[in-house]
Amino acid sequence: MQHFVHVSIVGLEDATLPYSRVKLAGEQLVRRSNLPWSVVRAMPFYYLLENLFAGLSWLPAWPVPTTILNPVDTSDVADHLVACAFDGGCGVRAEIGGPDDLSLVAIARDYLKTQGRRRIVLPMPLSDKSARGMGFVVSRGVRGTRSWIDWLNRHRVRANRG
Protein backbone atom coordinates (compact mmCIF):
# COMPACT_ATOMS: atom_id res chain seq x y z
CA MET A 1 0.00 0.00 0.00
CA GLN A 2 1.29 3.46 -0.86
CA HIS A 3 1.18 6.18 1.77
CA PHE A 4 1.80 9.83 0.97
CA VAL A 5 3.25 11.85 3.85
CA HIS A 6 2.98 15.61 3.41
CA VAL A 7 5.19 17.85 5.53
CA SER A 8 3.58 21.13 6.46
CA ILE A 9 3.88 23.93 9.01
CA VAL A 10 2.39 24.32 12.49
CA GLY A 11 -0.12 27.15 12.87
CA LEU A 12 -1.25 27.63 9.29
CA GLU A 13 -4.87 28.44 10.13
CA ASP A 14 -3.95 31.79 11.70
CA ALA A 15 -0.95 32.62 9.51
CA THR A 16 -1.39 35.42 6.99
CA LEU A 17 1.92 35.19 5.13
CA PRO A 18 1.68 34.24 1.43
CA TYR A 19 3.86 31.14 1.87
CA SER A 20 1.54 29.93 4.64
CA ARG A 21 -1.47 30.27 2.34
CA VAL A 22 0.34 28.16 -0.30
CA LYS A 23 1.22 25.47 2.27
CA LEU A 24 -2.39 25.35 3.48
CA ALA A 25 -3.62 24.97 -0.11
CA GLY A 26 -1.13 22.11 -0.53
CA GLU A 27 -2.53 20.40 2.56
CA GLN A 28 -6.04 20.71 1.15
CA LEU A 29 -4.96 19.04 -2.10
CA VAL A 30 -3.42 16.16 -0.16
CA ARG A 31 -6.57 15.73 1.95
CA ARG A 32 -8.68 15.41 -1.23
CA SER A 33 -6.35 12.74 -2.64
CA ASN A 34 -7.46 9.16 -3.19
CA LEU A 35 -4.16 7.88 -1.80
CA PRO A 36 -3.74 7.02 1.85
CA TRP A 37 -2.18 10.18 3.25
CA SER A 38 -0.80 11.79 6.35
CA VAL A 39 -0.20 15.47 7.04
CA VAL A 40 2.55 16.20 9.54
CA ARG A 41 3.08 19.79 10.59
CA ALA A 42 6.49 20.84 11.89
CA MET A 43 7.84 23.94 13.57
CA PRO A 44 10.57 25.98 11.84
CA PHE A 45 13.81 24.07 11.44
CA TYR A 46 16.91 25.23 13.30
CA TYR A 47 18.86 25.69 10.08
CA LEU A 48 16.21 28.13 8.80
CA LEU A 49 16.66 30.28 11.91
CA GLU A 50 20.40 30.15 11.43
CA ASN A 51 19.97 31.31 7.83
CA LEU A 52 17.69 34.11 8.96
CA PHE A 53 20.20 35.40 11.49
CA ALA A 54 23.15 34.97 9.14
CA GLY A 55 21.29 37.24 6.73
CA LEU A 56 21.06 39.89 9.43
CA SER A 57 24.75 39.73 10.28
CA TRP A 58 25.56 42.97 8.43
CA LEU A 59 23.19 44.94 10.68
CA PRO A 60 24.63 46.44 13.89
CA ALA A 61 21.25 46.03 15.66
CA TRP A 62 18.63 43.34 15.18
CA PRO A 63 14.95 44.11 15.82
CA VAL A 64 13.58 40.76 17.02
CA PRO A 65 9.99 39.97 18.04
CA THR A 66 9.54 38.92 21.68
CA THR A 67 7.39 35.96 20.67
CA ILE A 68 7.78 32.37 21.92
CA LEU A 69 8.19 29.33 19.67
CA ASN A 70 9.75 25.87 19.73
CA PRO A 71 11.83 25.35 16.59
CA VAL A 72 12.97 21.83 15.82
CA ASP A 73 15.90 19.85 14.46
CA THR A 74 15.43 18.20 11.06
CA SER A 75 16.61 14.83 12.39
CA ASP A 76 13.82 14.85 14.99
CA VAL A 77 11.31 15.65 12.24
CA ALA A 78 12.72 12.88 10.04
CA ASP A 79 12.31 10.34 12.86
CA HIS A 80 8.70 11.45 13.37
CA LEU A 81 7.97 11.27 9.64
CA VAL A 82 9.31 7.72 9.41
CA ALA A 83 7.18 6.69 12.38
CA CYS A 84 4.09 8.23 10.77
CA ALA A 85 4.81 6.62 7.41
CA PHE A 86 5.05 3.10 8.81
CA ASP A 87 2.81 2.91 11.87
CA GLY A 88 -0.32 2.06 9.89
CA GLY A 89 -2.09 5.34 10.64
CA CYS A 90 -3.28 7.97 8.20
CA GLY A 91 -4.79 11.45 8.28
CA VAL A 92 -3.74 14.51 10.22
CA ARG A 93 -0.93 13.39 12.49
CA ALA A 94 0.66 14.86 15.59
CA GLU A 95 2.65 17.99 14.83
CA ILE A 96 6.26 18.20 15.95
CA GLY A 97 8.29 20.92 17.60
CA GLY A 98 11.53 21.19 19.47
CA PRO A 99 11.98 20.29 23.12
CA ASP A 100 12.08 23.87 24.40
CA ASP A 101 9.74 26.86 24.25
CA LEU A 102 12.10 29.77 23.58
CA SER A 103 11.74 33.47 22.95
CA LEU A 104 12.95 34.54 19.54
CA VAL A 105 15.10 37.09 21.36
CA ALA A 106 16.86 34.31 23.31
CA ILE A 107 17.27 32.30 20.10
CA ALA A 108 18.95 35.30 18.43
CA ARG A 109 21.25 35.88 21.42
CA ASP A 110 22.23 32.19 21.53
CA TYR A 111 23.06 32.36 17.83
CA LEU A 112 25.25 35.43 18.29
CA LYS A 113 27.05 33.93 21.27
CA THR A 114 27.91 30.66 19.53
CA GLN A 115 29.08 32.58 16.45
CA GLY A 116 31.27 34.86 18.55
CA ARG A 117 29.47 37.91 17.16
CA ARG A 118 28.30 41.04 18.91
CA ARG A 119 25.10 42.72 17.84
CA ILE A 120 22.48 44.64 19.74
CA VAL A 121 19.27 42.62 19.94
CA LEU A 122 16.30 44.96 20.16
CA PRO A 123 13.28 43.13 21.63
CA MET A 124 10.18 44.20 19.72
CA PRO A 125 6.83 43.53 21.40
CA LEU A 126 4.39 41.64 19.21
CA SER A 127 0.74 40.95 19.99
CA ASP A 128 -0.39 37.33 20.13
CA LYS A 129 -2.58 37.91 17.07
CA SER A 130 0.32 39.37 15.07
CA ALA A 131 2.63 36.57 16.21
CA ARG A 132 0.16 33.91 15.06
CA GLY A 133 -0.31 35.78 11.77
CA MET A 134 3.44 35.56 11.19
CA GLY A 135 3.48 31.86 12.08
CA PHE A 136 5.04 32.29 15.52
CA VAL A 137 3.33 29.62 17.61
CA VAL A 138 4.28 26.79 19.94
CA SER A 139 3.64 23.22 18.83
CA ARG A 140 1.52 21.20 21.22
CA GLY A 141 2.35 17.86 19.65
CA VAL A 142 5.38 15.58 19.71
CA ARG A 143 8.57 17.10 21.08
CA GLY A 144 11.97 16.51 19.51
CA THR A 145 15.04 15.81 21.62
CA ARG A 146 17.82 18.03 20.23
CA SER A 147 17.82 21.53 21.70
CA TRP A 148 18.61 24.73 19.82
CA ILE A 149 21.81 25.30 21.78
CA ASP A 150 22.95 21.70 21.21
CA TRP A 151 22.26 22.11 17.50
CA LEU A 152 24.18 25.39 17.40
CA ASN A 153 27.17 23.90 19.20
CA ARG A 154 27.24 20.82 16.96
CA HIS A 155 26.82 22.88 13.82
CA ARG A 156 29.62 25.26 14.84
CA VAL A 157 31.99 22.33 15.45
CA ARG A 158 31.22 20.86 12.00
CA ALA A 159 31.56 24.25 10.31
CA ASN A 160 34.97 24.81 11.92
CA ARG A 161 36.21 21.42 10.68
CA GLY A 162 35.08 21.93 7.09
C-alpha atoms as a PDB file:
ATOM      1  CA  MET A   1       0.000   0.000   0.000  1.00  0.00           C
ATOM      2  CA  GLN A   2       1.286   3.463  -0.861  1.00  0.00           C
ATOM      3  CA  HIS A   3       1.180   6.179   1.771  1.00  0.00           C
ATOM      4  CA  PHE A   4       1.804   9.830   0.970  1.00  0.00           C
ATOM      5  CA  VAL A   5       3.252  11.848   3.853  1.00  0.00           C
ATOM      6  CA  HIS A   6       2.976  15.606   3.409  1.00  0.00           C
ATOM      7  CA  VAL A   7       5.193  17.853   5.532  1.00  0.00           C
ATOM      8  CA  SER A   8       3.582  21.126   6.460  1.00  0.00           C
ATOM      9  CA  ILE A   9       3.884  23.934   9.010  1.00  0.00           C
ATOM     10  CA  VAL A  10       2.393  24.317  12.487  1.00  0.00           C
ATOM     11  CA  GLY A  11      -0.116  27.151  12.874  1.00  0.00           C
ATOM     12  CA  LEU A  12      -1.252  27.629   9.294  1.00  0.00           C
ATOM     13  CA  GLU A  13      -4.872  28.443  10.127  1.00  0.00           C
ATOM     14  CA  ASP A  14      -3.949  31.788  11.695  1.00  0.00           C
ATOM     15  CA  ALA A  15      -0.946  32.618   9.512  1.00  0.00           C
ATOM     16  CA  THR A  16      -1.387  35.419   6.989  1.00  0.00           C
ATOM     17  CA  LEU A  17       1.925  35.191   5.132  1.00  0.00           C
ATOM     18  CA  PRO A  18       1.676  34.237   1.427  1.00  0.00           C
ATOM     19  CA  TYR A  19       3.858  31.144   1.874  1.00  0.00           C
ATOM     20  CA  SER A  20       1.539  29.934   4.644  1.00  0.00           C
ATOM     21  CA  ARG A  21      -1.471  30.270   2.336  1.00  0.00           C
ATOM     22  CA  VAL A  22       0.338  28.164  -0.300  1.00  0.00           C
ATOM     23  CA  LYS A  23       1.220  25.471   2.271  1.00  0.00           C
ATOM     24  CA  LEU A  24      -2.388  25.346   3.484  1.00  0.00           C
ATOM     25  CA  ALA A  25      -3.621  24.972  -0.107  1.00  0.00           C
ATOM     26  CA  GLY A  26      -1.127  22.115  -0.530  1.00  0.00           C
ATOM     27  CA  GLU A  27      -2.532  20.403   2.561  1.00  0.00           C
ATOM     28  CA  GLN A  28      -6.044  20.706   1.150  1.00  0.00           C
ATOM     29  CA  LEU A  29      -4.965  19.039  -2.103  1.00  0.00           C
ATOM     30  CA  VAL A  30      -3.420  16.161  -0.157  1.00  0.00           C
ATOM     31  CA  ARG A  31      -6.570  15.729   1.947  1.00  0.00           C
ATOM     32  CA  ARG A  32      -8.681  15.412  -1.229  1.00  0.00           C
ATOM     33  CA  SER A  33      -6.352  12.743  -2.636  1.00  0.00           C
ATOM     34  CA  ASN A  34      -7.460   9.159  -3.189  1.00  0.00           C
ATOM     35  CA  LEU A  35      -4.161   7.876  -1.797  1.00  0.00           C
ATOM     36  CA  PRO A  36      -3.739   7.015   1.853  1.00  0.00           C
ATOM     37  CA  TRP A  37      -2.182  10.183   3.251  1.00  0.00           C
ATOM     38  CA  SER A  38      -0.804  11.789   6.355  1.00  0.00           C
ATOM     39  CA  VAL A  39      -0.203  15.465   7.037  1.00  0.00           C
ATOM     40  CA  VAL A  40       2.554  16.202   9.537  1.00  0.00           C
ATOM     41  CA  ARG A  41       3.078  19.790  10.588  1.00  0.00           C
ATOM     42  CA  ALA A  42       6.487  20.845  11.892  1.00  0.00           C
ATOM     43  CA  MET A  43       7.841  23.945  13.572  1.00  0.00           C
ATOM     44  CA  PRO A  44      10.573  25.977  11.838  1.00  0.00           C
ATOM     45  CA  PHE A  45      13.813  24.072  11.444  1.00  0.00           C
ATOM     46  CA  TYR A  46      16.910  25.231  13.295  1.00  0.00           C
ATOM     47  CA  TYR A  47      18.860  25.689  10.084  1.00  0.00           C
ATOM     48  CA  LEU A  48      16.211  28.132   8.801  1.00  0.00           C
ATOM     49  CA  LEU A  49      16.658  30.279  11.908  1.00  0.00           C
ATOM     50  CA  GLU A  50      20.402  30.148  11.434  1.00  0.00           C
ATOM     51  CA  ASN A  51      19.968  31.311   7.831  1.00  0.00           C
ATOM     52  CA  LEU A  52      17.688  34.111   8.962  1.00  0.00           C
ATOM     53  CA  PHE A  53      20.198  35.397  11.494  1.00  0.00           C
ATOM     54  CA  ALA A  54      23.147  34.972   9.140  1.00  0.00           C
ATOM     55  CA  GLY A  55      21.294  37.236   6.730  1.00  0.00           C
ATOM     56  CA  LEU A  56      21.063  39.890   9.429  1.00  0.00           C
ATOM     57  CA  SER A  57      24.753  39.727  10.277  1.00  0.00           C
ATOM     58  CA  TRP A  58      25.562  42.969   8.430  1.00  0.00           C
ATOM     59  CA  LEU A  59      23.193  44.939  10.685  1.00  0.00           C
ATOM     60  CA  PRO A  60      24.628  46.443  13.893  1.00  0.00           C
ATOM     61  CA  ALA A  61      21.253  46.030  15.663  1.00  0.00           C
ATOM     62  CA  TRP A  62      18.626  43.344  15.184  1.00  0.00           C
ATOM     63  CA  PRO A  63      14.949  44.111  15.824  1.00  0.00           C
ATOM     64  CA  VAL A  64      13.580  40.763  17.019  1.00  0.00           C
ATOM     65  CA  PRO A  65       9.988  39.973  18.038  1.00  0.00           C
ATOM     66  CA  THR A  66       9.537  38.921  21.678  1.00  0.00           C
ATOM     67  CA  THR A  67       7.391  35.962  20.671  1.00  0.00           C
ATOM     68  CA  ILE A  68       7.782  32.374  21.917  1.00  0.00           C
ATOM     69  CA  LEU A  69       8.194  29.335  19.666  1.00  0.00           C
ATOM     70  CA  ASN A  70       9.748  25.868  19.734  1.00  0.00           C
ATOM     71  CA  PRO A  71      11.832  25.352  16.592  1.00  0.00           C
ATOM     72  CA  VAL A  72      12.974  21.828  15.817  1.00  0.00           C
ATOM     73  CA  ASP A  73      15.905  19.851  14.455  1.00  0.00           C
ATOM     74  CA  THR A  74      15.430  18.204  11.061  1.00  0.00           C
ATOM     75  CA  SER A  75      16.613  14.830  12.393  1.00  0.00           C
ATOM     76  CA  ASP A  76      13.819  14.852  14.986  1.00  0.00           C
ATOM     77  CA  VAL A  77      11.314  15.655  12.239  1.00  0.00           C
ATOM     78  CA  ALA A  78      12.722  12.883  10.041  1.00  0.00           C
ATOM     79  CA  ASP A  79      12.308  10.343  12.856  1.00  0.00           C
ATOM     80  CA  HIS A  80       8.704  11.450  13.375  1.00  0.00           C
ATOM     81  CA  LEU A  81       7.966  11.268   9.641  1.00  0.00           C
ATOM     82  CA  VAL A  82       9.315   7.724   9.409  1.00  0.00           C
ATOM     83  CA  ALA A  83       7.184   6.686  12.378  1.00  0.00           C
ATOM     84  CA  CYS A  84       4.094   8.233  10.766  1.00  0.00           C
ATOM     85  CA  ALA A  85       4.813   6.618   7.409  1.00  0.00           C
ATOM     86  CA  PHE A  86       5.052   3.096   8.808  1.00  0.00           C
ATOM     87  CA  ASP A  87       2.806   2.912  11.874  1.00  0.00           C
ATOM     88  CA  GLY A  88      -0.322   2.061   9.892  1.00  0.00           C
ATOM     89  CA  GLY A  89      -2.092   5.340  10.644  1.00  0.00           C
ATOM     90  CA  CYS A  90      -3.280   7.975   8.204  1.00  0.00           C
ATOM     91  CA  GLY A  91      -4.791  11.451   8.282  1.00  0.00           C
ATOM     92  CA  VAL A  92      -3.744  14.514  10.219  1.00  0.00           C
ATOM     93  CA  ARG A  93      -0.931  13.389  12.489  1.00  0.00           C
ATOM     94  CA  ALA A  94       0.665  14.857  15.590  1.00  0.00           C
ATOM     95  CA  GLU A  95       2.646  17.990  14.828  1.00  0.00           C
ATOM     96  CA  ILE A  96       6.260  18.198  15.952  1.00  0.00           C
ATOM     97  CA  GLY A  97       8.289  20.916  17.598  1.00  0.00           C
ATOM     98  CA  GLY A  98      11.533  21.187  19.475  1.00  0.00           C
ATOM     99  CA  PRO A  99      11.976  20.293  23.122  1.00  0.00           C
ATOM    100  CA  ASP A 100      12.076  23.875  24.399  1.00  0.00           C
ATOM    101  CA  ASP A 101       9.738  26.863  24.252  1.00  0.00           C
ATOM    102  CA  LEU A 102      12.099  29.775  23.579  1.00  0.00           C
ATOM    103  CA  SER A 103      11.740  33.472  22.946  1.00  0.00           C
ATOM    104  CA  LEU A 104      12.948  34.537  19.539  1.00  0.00           C
ATOM    105  CA  VAL A 105      15.095  37.094  21.358  1.00  0.00           C
ATOM    106  CA  ALA A 106      16.863  34.309  23.306  1.00  0.00           C
ATOM    107  CA  ILE A 107      17.275  32.304  20.101  1.00  0.00           C
ATOM    108  CA  ALA A 108      18.954  35.304  18.429  1.00  0.00           C
ATOM    109  CA  ARG A 109      21.245  35.878  21.416  1.00  0.00           C
ATOM    110  CA  ASP A 110      22.233  32.189  21.528  1.00  0.00           C
ATOM    111  CA  TYR A 111      23.065  32.358  17.830  1.00  0.00           C
ATOM    112  CA  LEU A 112      25.249  35.431  18.295  1.00  0.00           C
ATOM    113  CA  LYS A 113      27.048  33.929  21.273  1.00  0.00           C
ATOM    114  CA  THR A 114      27.908  30.660  19.532  1.00  0.00           C
ATOM    115  CA  GLN A 115      29.081  32.577  16.450  1.00  0.00           C
ATOM    116  CA  GLY A 116      31.269  34.859  18.550  1.00  0.00           C
ATOM    117  CA  ARG A 117      29.467  37.907  17.155  1.00  0.00           C
ATOM    118  CA  ARG A 118      28.295  41.037  18.913  1.00  0.00           C
ATOM    119  CA  ARG A 119      25.101  42.720  17.840  1.00  0.00           C
ATOM    120  CA  ILE A 120      22.483  44.639  19.737  1.00  0.00           C
ATOM    121  CA  VAL A 121      19.273  42.621  19.935  1.00  0.00           C
ATOM    122  CA  LEU A 122      16.298  44.964  20.165  1.00  0.00           C
ATOM    123  CA  PRO A 123      13.283  43.133  21.632  1.00  0.00           C
ATOM    124  CA  MET A 124      10.182  44.195  19.720  1.00  0.00           C
ATOM    125  CA  PRO A 125       6.829  43.532  21.405  1.00  0.00           C
ATOM    126  CA  LEU A 126       4.393  41.639  19.207  1.00  0.00           C
ATOM    127  CA  SER A 127       0.745  40.950  19.994  1.00  0.00           C
ATOM    128  CA  ASP A 128      -0.387  37.326  20.126  1.00  0.00           C
ATOM    129  CA  LYS A 129      -2.576  37.907  17.066  1.00  0.00           C
ATOM    130  CA  SER A 130       0.323  39.375  15.071  1.00  0.00           C
ATOM    131  CA  ALA A 131       2.633  36.571  16.209  1.00  0.00           C
ATOM    132  CA  ARG A 132       0.161  33.908  15.055  1.00  0.00           C
ATOM    133  CA  GLY A 133      -0.306  35.777  11.773  1.00  0.00           C
ATOM    134  CA  MET A 134       3.439  35.556  11.190  1.00  0.00           C
ATOM    135  CA  GLY A 135       3.477  31.865  12.081  1.00  0.00           C
ATOM    136  CA  PHE A 136       5.045  32.287  15.519  1.00  0.00           C
ATOM    137  CA  VAL A 137       3.326  29.615  17.606  1.00  0.00           C
ATOM    138  CA  VAL A 138       4.276  26.788  19.942  1.00  0.00           C
ATOM    139  CA  SER A 139       3.644  23.222  18.832  1.00  0.00           C
ATOM    140  CA  ARG A 140       1.520  21.200  21.224  1.00  0.00           C
ATOM    141  CA  GLY A 141       2.351  17.856  19.648  1.00  0.00           C
ATOM    142  CA  VAL A 142       5.377  15.581  19.713  1.00  0.00           C
ATOM    143  CA  ARG A 143       8.574  17.098  21.080  1.00  0.00           C
ATOM    144  CA  GLY A 144      11.966  16.514  19.515  1.00  0.00           C
ATOM    145  CA  THR A 145      15.039  15.812  21.624  1.00  0.00           C
ATOM    146  CA  ARG A 146      17.820  18.027  20.232  1.00  0.00           C
ATOM    147  CA  SER A 147      17.816  21.527  21.701  1.00  0.00           C
ATOM    148  CA  TRP A 148      18.610  24.730  19.819  1.00  0.00           C
ATOM    149  CA  ILE A 149      21.811  25.301  21.785  1.00  0.00           C
ATOM    150  CA  ASP A 150      22.953  21.698  21.206  1.00  0.00           C
ATOM    151  CA  TRP A 151      22.262  22.107  17.496  1.00  0.00           C
ATOM    152  CA  LEU A 152      24.183  25.394  17.397  1.00  0.00           C
ATOM    153  CA  ASN A 153      27.166  23.903  19.198  1.00  0.00           C
ATOM    154  CA  ARG A 154      27.238  20.822  16.964  1.00  0.00           C
ATOM    155  CA  HIS A 155      26.824  22.881  13.823  1.00  0.00           C
ATOM    156  CA  ARG A 156      29.616  25.256  14.838  1.00  0.00           C
ATOM    157  CA  VAL A 157      31.994  22.329  15.449  1.00  0.00           C
ATOM    158  CA  ARG A 158      31.223  20.859  12.004  1.00  0.00           C
ATOM    159  CA  ALA A 159      31.560  24.250  10.308  1.00  0.00           C
ATOM    160  CA  ASN A 160      34.967  24.809  11.915  1.00  0.00           C
ATOM    161  CA  ARG A 161      36.212  21.418  10.681  1.00  0.00           C
ATOM    162  CA  GLY A 162      35.077  21.933   7.088  1.00  0.00           C
END
